[in-house]
Amino acid sequence: MPIFDLFSKRQKRLRGEIPEIFTYDQIPNGLRVKIVHIIKDMFGEDIYGNNNIIQSSYESIQKTLCREYGLFELGECDYNGRYENQVLNFFLKTEENDKVLDVIELTFKYADRIIRTNREYNYYAKPKLNPDDAISELNDRFKEEGIGYSFDGGEIIRVDSTYTHSEITKPTISLLWNRKFQGANEEYLKAHEHYRHGRNKECLAECSKALESVMKTICKEKGWEFKERDTARKLIQVCFQNELVPSFTQNQFTSLQNLLESGIPTIRNKLGGHGQGQTPQIVDDEMTRYGLNLTGTNIIFLIKQSGIE
């Protein structure tokens, strides 16, 4: 459904009340209610007097959450079998922000991967929103409320700037969706998950793995000789030796080669990849964000140059 530009919203913009900086630590109640509307439209409603197919979907989500949280029920047991009520009431009432995001991620992932292709479900439940439109509205609602998260590639990821997200993060996830890059895709999404939870060293380690996996996939697809245990530096050399960057433009990409060689691998080696000694090393958010964005930029360039899309 379209997001209406109500009079009250226009007045807020005129008064300068629209947030310019993203927040991450609290999903407000008003936004939760809006997301419930999206979820209910995405899952559909009881059209033919038998909504077992809808309840079984909510049951899957409820059981996943209970198993992971070590619970038997989400809140008070609903003896009428209304798993929908359990999931949505838990979502509305929990005070733990990460658990709010858990529910969002699980429900939208379920719709994206299961409801999308289930003809029987779509025939009986008659969802008002298809997964693509629901995801689009969710992300627009996040942006409207100044909440720094987005659902992309089947995961909730942290957004630091709308430009970086639209120009680097989303294109990278889109390119890695290719099954040939499945390993790199998992590592890149893990990097974002670590970043969202403030695990900066782990984020940089996954960045390095993702970059290495992309180069190994390209080398394998191209038939270029390399070893599975090759480091990022060696893989970069293989890519340049085989003119992944065309020879007639290689001079102008000298700076890129230096960036690739001294960027992510070095950041990871110095800050995230070795023993930290007696004094714990602290990797700040700015360096981690730089590493994450640099990884995405380099992955986009390498895949585009390889033609493997």
Protein backbone atom coordinates (compact mmCIF):
# COMPACT_ATOMS: atom_id res chain seq x y z
CA MET A 1 0.00 0.00 0.00
CA PRO A 2 1.23 3.54 -0.68
CA ILE A 3 2.53 5.65 2.20
CA PHE A 4 0.32 8.72 2.43
CA ASP A 5 1.91 12.11 2.89
CA LEU A 6 -0.54 13.28 5.55
CA PHE A 7 -1.01 16.89 6.62
CA SER A 8 0.60 16.13 9.98
CA LYS A 9 3.71 14.73 8.27
CA ARG A 10 4.05 17.81 6.08
CA GLN A 11 3.75 20.04 9.14
CA LYS A 12 6.48 18.07 10.91
CA ARG A 13 8.79 18.60 7.94
CA LEU A 14 8.03 22.32 7.95
CA ARG A 15 8.85 22.49 11.65
CA GLY A 16 12.09 20.59 11.08
CA GLU A 17 10.96 17.65 13.21
CA ILE A 18 11.98 14.95 10.72
CA PRO A 19 15.09 13.18 12.11
CA GLU A 20 18.28 13.75 10.10
CA ILE A 21 20.39 11.27 12.08
CA PHE A 22 19.56 7.57 12.34
CA THR A 23 18.87 5.97 15.72
CA TYR A 24 19.32 2.29 16.54
CA ASP A 25 18.47 1.57 20.16
CA GLN A 26 14.68 1.79 20.19
CA ILE A 27 11.87 0.88 17.78
CA PRO A 28 9.03 3.19 18.94
CA ASN A 29 5.55 1.83 19.60
CA GLY A 30 3.99 3.80 16.76
CA LEU A 31 6.38 2.25 14.27
CA ARG A 32 5.73 -1.21 15.69
CA VAL A 33 2.01 -0.78 15.07
CA LYS A 34 2.68 0.32 11.49
CA ILE A 35 4.86 -2.76 10.97
CA VAL A 36 2.10 -5.00 12.38
CA HIS A 37 -0.23 -3.61 9.69
CA ILE A 38 2.37 -4.48 7.05
CA ILE A 39 2.87 -8.01 8.43
CA LYS A 40 -0.88 -8.72 8.58
CA ASP A 41 -1.34 -7.50 4.99
CA MET A 42 1.66 -9.57 3.91
CA PHE A 43 0.45 -12.78 5.60
CA GLY A 44 -3.18 -12.35 4.54
CA GLU A 45 -6.44 -12.96 6.36
CA ASP A 46 -9.15 -15.59 6.86
CA ILE A 47 -11.13 -15.35 3.61
CA TYR A 48 -12.80 -18.78 3.51
CA GLY A 49 -13.47 -19.37 7.22
CA ASN A 50 -10.43 -21.60 7.71
CA ASN A 51 -7.18 -19.79 8.37
CA ASN A 52 -5.07 -22.80 9.37
CA ILE A 53 -2.64 -22.04 6.56
CA ILE A 54 -2.04 -18.57 8.01
CA GLN A 55 -1.75 -19.80 11.59
CA SER A 56 0.74 -22.48 10.55
CA SER A 57 2.97 -19.70 9.20
CA TYR A 58 2.83 -17.78 12.47
CA GLU A 59 3.37 -21.08 14.32
CA SER A 60 6.63 -21.61 12.44
CA ILE A 61 7.83 -18.17 13.54
CA GLN A 62 6.60 -18.66 17.11
CA LYS A 63 8.35 -22.00 17.50
CA THR A 64 11.60 -20.64 16.06
CA LEU A 65 11.61 -17.73 18.51
CA CYS A 66 10.70 -19.95 21.48
CA ARG A 67 13.44 -22.46 20.67
CA GLU A 68 16.09 -19.75 20.28
CA TYR A 69 15.01 -17.87 23.42
CA GLY A 70 14.64 -21.04 25.54
CA LEU A 71 10.90 -20.54 26.09
CA PHE A 72 7.73 -22.63 25.71
CA GLU A 73 5.47 -19.68 24.88
CA LEU A 74 5.87 -16.05 23.87
CA GLY A 75 4.11 -14.34 26.76
CA GLU A 76 0.79 -15.77 27.89
CA CYS A 77 -0.27 -19.04 26.30
CA ASP A 78 -3.06 -18.62 23.75
CA TYR A 79 -5.22 -21.72 24.11
CA ASN A 80 -7.23 -20.85 21.03
CA GLY A 81 -4.20 -21.66 18.95
CA ARG A 82 -3.83 -18.12 17.74
CA TYR A 83 -0.09 -18.13 17.05
CA GLU A 84 -0.59 -14.84 15.23
CA ASN A 85 -1.62 -13.19 18.51
CA GLN A 86 1.38 -14.59 20.35
CA VAL A 87 3.89 -13.38 17.78
CA LEU A 88 2.41 -9.94 17.24
CA ASN A 89 1.66 -9.26 20.92
CA PHE A 90 5.23 -10.25 21.81
CA PHE A 91 6.48 -7.92 19.08
CA LEU A 92 4.41 -5.02 20.44
CA LYS A 93 5.22 -5.55 24.12
CA THR A 94 8.84 -6.69 24.38
CA GLU A 95 11.23 -4.08 25.74
CA GLU A 96 14.29 -5.66 24.13
CA ASN A 97 15.07 -3.90 20.88
CA ASP A 98 17.06 -6.82 19.44
CA LYS A 99 14.04 -9.09 19.91
CA VAL A 100 11.83 -6.58 18.09
CA LEU A 101 14.27 -6.81 15.19
CA ASP A 102 14.27 -10.61 15.47
CA VAL A 103 10.51 -10.71 14.85
CA ILE A 104 10.77 -8.32 11.92
CA GLU A 105 13.59 -10.31 10.34
CA LEU A 106 11.90 -13.70 10.79
CA THR A 107 8.46 -12.62 9.52
CA PHE A 108 9.80 -10.84 6.47
CA LYS A 109 12.29 -13.61 5.71
CA TYR A 110 9.43 -16.15 5.91
CA ALA A 111 7.32 -14.12 3.49
CA ASP A 112 10.27 -13.49 1.17
CA ARG A 113 11.35 -17.13 0.92
CA ILE A 114 8.18 -19.17 1.52
CA ILE A 115 4.97 -17.21 0.98
CA ARG A 116 6.36 -15.68 -2.21
CA THR A 117 6.42 -19.04 -4.03
CA ASN A 118 3.54 -20.86 -2.28
CA ARG A 119 0.60 -20.82 -4.70
CA GLU A 120 -1.76 -22.56 -2.29
CA TYR A 121 -1.01 -20.01 0.41
CA ASN A 122 -1.58 -17.08 -1.91
CA TYR A 123 -4.85 -18.61 -3.18
CA TYR A 124 -6.39 -19.15 0.27
CA ALA A 125 -4.88 -16.32 2.32
CA LYS A 126 -5.13 -13.63 -0.37
CA PRO A 127 -2.31 -11.39 0.98
CA LYS A 128 -2.92 -7.71 0.32
CA LEU A 129 0.81 -7.05 -0.06
CA ASN A 130 3.31 -9.13 -1.98
CA PRO A 131 6.71 -9.57 -0.29
CA ASP A 132 8.46 -7.00 -2.50
CA ASP A 133 5.94 -4.26 -1.72
CA ALA A 134 5.89 -5.19 1.97
CA ILE A 135 9.70 -5.02 2.21
CA SER A 136 9.71 -1.72 0.36
CA GLU A 137 7.15 -0.24 2.75
CA LEU A 138 9.03 -1.58 5.79
CA ASN A 139 12.26 0.09 4.64
CA ASP A 140 10.42 3.32 3.85
CA ARG A 141 8.88 3.27 7.34
CA PHE A 142 12.32 2.79 8.90
CA LYS A 143 13.62 5.74 6.90
CA GLU A 144 10.57 7.90 7.70
CA GLU A 145 11.06 7.35 11.44
CA GLY A 146 14.83 7.85 11.30
CA ILE A 147 15.55 4.25 12.31
CA GLY A 148 18.89 3.06 10.95
CA TYR A 149 17.94 -0.43 9.78
CA SER A 150 16.90 -1.99 6.49
CA PHE A 151 15.75 -5.44 5.36
CA ASP A 152 17.97 -6.50 2.47
CA GLY A 153 19.11 -9.90 1.24
CA GLY A 154 16.90 -11.66 3.78
CA GLU A 155 18.55 -9.93 6.76
CA ILE A 156 18.12 -6.85 8.93
CA ILE A 157 21.23 -4.76 8.40
CA ARG A 158 22.37 -1.49 9.91
CA VAL A 159 22.27 1.65 7.75
CA ASP A 160 24.63 4.53 8.50
CA SER A 161 23.78 6.75 5.54
CA THR A 162 21.14 6.49 2.84
CA TYR A 163 23.70 7.25 0.11
CA THR A 164 26.13 4.53 1.20
CA HIS A 165 23.29 2.06 1.60
CA SER A 166 21.82 2.71 -1.87
CA GLU A 167 25.15 3.00 -3.71
CA ILE A 168 27.25 0.30 -1.98
CA THR A 169 25.38 -2.05 0.37
CA LYS A 170 22.31 -2.87 -1.74
CA PRO A 171 24.23 -3.32 -5.03
CA THR A 172 26.76 -5.58 -3.26
CA ILE A 173 24.03 -7.79 -1.78
CA SER A 174 22.30 -7.91 -5.16
CA LEU A 175 25.46 -9.08 -6.94
CA LEU A 176 26.28 -11.65 -4.26
CA TRP A 177 22.78 -13.14 -4.56
CA ASN A 178 24.20 -15.15 -7.49
CA ARG A 179 24.55 -18.76 -6.24
CA LYS A 180 28.16 -18.79 -7.43
CA PHE A 181 28.94 -16.24 -4.72
CA GLN A 182 26.90 -17.95 -2.00
CA GLY A 183 29.86 -18.25 0.38
CA ALA A 184 30.81 -14.60 -0.04
CA ASN A 185 27.17 -13.59 0.40
CA GLU A 186 26.95 -15.39 3.74
CA GLU A 187 30.21 -13.80 4.91
CA TYR A 188 29.20 -10.29 3.82
CA LEU A 189 25.83 -10.58 5.59
CA LYS A 190 27.60 -11.93 8.70
CA ALA A 191 29.85 -8.86 8.59
CA HIS A 192 26.76 -6.65 8.66
CA GLU A 193 25.26 -8.68 11.50
CA HIS A 194 28.46 -8.31 13.55
CA TYR A 195 28.50 -4.58 12.79
CA ARG A 196 24.87 -4.20 13.91
CA HIS A 197 25.73 -5.81 17.25
CA GLY A 198 28.96 -3.83 17.73
CA ARG A 199 31.27 -6.81 17.16
CA ASN A 200 33.75 -4.78 15.16
CA LYS A 201 36.69 -7.21 15.06
CA GLU A 202 34.43 -10.01 13.89
CA CYS A 203 32.96 -7.67 11.27
CA LEU A 204 36.39 -6.95 9.78
CA ALA A 205 37.28 -10.64 9.79
CA GLU A 206 34.11 -11.47 7.79
CA CYS A 207 34.85 -8.56 5.42
CA SER A 208 38.20 -10.10 4.59
CA LYS A 209 36.65 -13.55 4.12
CA ALA A 210 33.98 -12.13 1.79
CA LEU A 211 36.55 -10.34 -0.37
CA GLU A 212 38.74 -13.44 -0.57
CA SER A 213 35.73 -15.63 -1.43
CA VAL A 214 34.72 -13.32 -4.28
CA MET A 215 38.22 -13.43 -5.77
CA LYS A 216 38.43 -17.22 -5.40
CA THR A 217 35.07 -17.61 -7.17
CA ILE A 218 36.19 -15.36 -10.00
CA CYS A 219 39.50 -17.25 -10.35
CA LYS A 220 37.69 -20.60 -10.34
CA GLU A 221 35.10 -19.47 -12.90
CA LYS A 222 37.82 -18.05 -15.13
CA GLY A 223 40.07 -21.10 -14.78
CA TRP A 224 42.92 -19.06 -13.30
CA GLU A 225 45.49 -20.92 -11.22
CA PHE A 226 45.37 -20.27 -7.50
CA LYS A 227 45.52 -22.15 -4.21
CA GLU A 228 42.60 -22.44 -1.81
CA ARG A 229 44.81 -21.21 1.02
CA ASP A 230 46.02 -18.14 -0.89
CA THR A 231 45.80 -14.88 1.04
CA ALA A 232 43.98 -11.80 -0.21
CA ARG A 233 47.27 -10.29 -1.41
CA LYS A 234 48.07 -13.34 -3.56
CA LEU A 235 44.54 -13.48 -4.94
CA ILE A 236 44.70 -9.80 -5.86
CA GLN A 237 47.91 -10.46 -7.78
CA VAL A 238 46.29 -13.36 -9.65
CA CYS A 239 43.38 -11.13 -10.65
CA PHE A 240 45.66 -8.38 -11.94
CA GLN A 241 48.04 -10.78 -13.68
CA ASN A 242 45.05 -12.16 -15.60
CA GLU A 243 43.94 -8.63 -16.55
CA LEU A 244 40.72 -8.60 -14.61
CA VAL A 245 41.38 -4.92 -15.06
CA PRO A 246 41.92 -4.60 -18.86
CA SER A 247 45.56 -4.09 -19.81
CA PHE A 248 44.87 -0.92 -21.81
CA THR A 249 43.45 0.77 -18.70
CA GLN A 250 45.70 -0.83 -16.12
CA ASN A 251 47.80 2.27 -15.52
CA GLN A 252 44.80 4.30 -14.45
CA PHE A 253 43.86 1.51 -12.03
CA THR A 254 47.25 1.51 -10.28
CA SER A 255 45.69 3.41 -7.39
CA LEU A 256 42.92 0.80 -7.18
CA GLN A 257 45.50 -2.00 -7.01
CA ASN A 258 47.24 -0.18 -4.15
CA LEU A 259 43.89 0.29 -2.45
CA LEU A 260 43.00 -3.37 -2.80
CA GLU A 261 46.41 -4.48 -1.51
CA SER A 262 46.57 -2.08 1.41
CA GLY A 263 42.88 -1.77 2.23
CA ILE A 264 40.76 -4.54 3.67
CA PRO A 265 43.48 -7.21 4.07
CA THR A 266 45.73 -4.80 5.98
CA ILE A 267 42.91 -3.43 8.12
CA ARG A 268 41.86 -6.95 9.01
CA ASN A 269 45.41 -8.16 9.69
CA LYS A 270 46.30 -5.23 11.92
CA LEU A 271 43.03 -4.89 13.79
CA GLY A 272 40.97 -8.03 13.55
CA GLY A 273 42.95 -11.03 12.45
CA HIS A 274 45.75 -11.67 14.97
CA GLY A 275 46.22 -12.11 18.71
CA GLN A 276 45.72 -8.87 20.60
CA GLY A 277 48.40 -9.43 23.25
CA GLN A 278 48.15 -8.26 26.84
CA THR A 279 46.19 -5.09 26.07
CA PRO A 280 42.85 -5.67 24.26
CA GLN A 281 42.70 -3.89 20.92
CA ILE A 282 39.75 -1.59 20.32
CA VAL A 283 38.43 -1.28 16.79
CA ASP A 284 36.27 1.83 16.61
CA ASP A 285 33.02 2.14 14.69
CA GLU A 286 34.45 4.57 12.13
CA MET A 287 37.24 2.19 11.08
CA THR A 288 34.81 -0.72 10.98
CA ARG A 289 32.31 1.23 8.88
CA TYR A 290 35.11 2.22 6.51
CA GLY A 291 36.20 -1.41 6.17
CA LEU A 292 32.65 -2.59 5.55
CA ASN A 293 32.01 0.03 2.86
CA LEU A 294 35.42 -0.51 1.25
CA THR A 295 34.68 -4.23 1.04
CA GLY A 296 31.38 -3.58 -0.72
CA THR A 297 32.94 -1.14 -3.19
CA ASN A 298 35.73 -3.56 -4.10
CA ILE A 299 33.34 -6.49 -4.46
CA ILE A 300 31.12 -4.52 -6.83
CA PHE A 301 34.12 -3.52 -8.95
CA LEU A 302 35.60 -7.03 -9.15
CA ILE A 303 32.33 -8.77 -10.01
CA LYS A 304 31.40 -6.16 -12.61
CA GLN A 305 34.82 -6.49 -14.22
CA SER A 306 34.60 -10.28 -14.22
CA GLY A 307 31.23 -10.33 -15.97
CA ILE A 308 29.97 -13.04 -13.59
CA GLU A 309 26.48 -11.77 -12.75
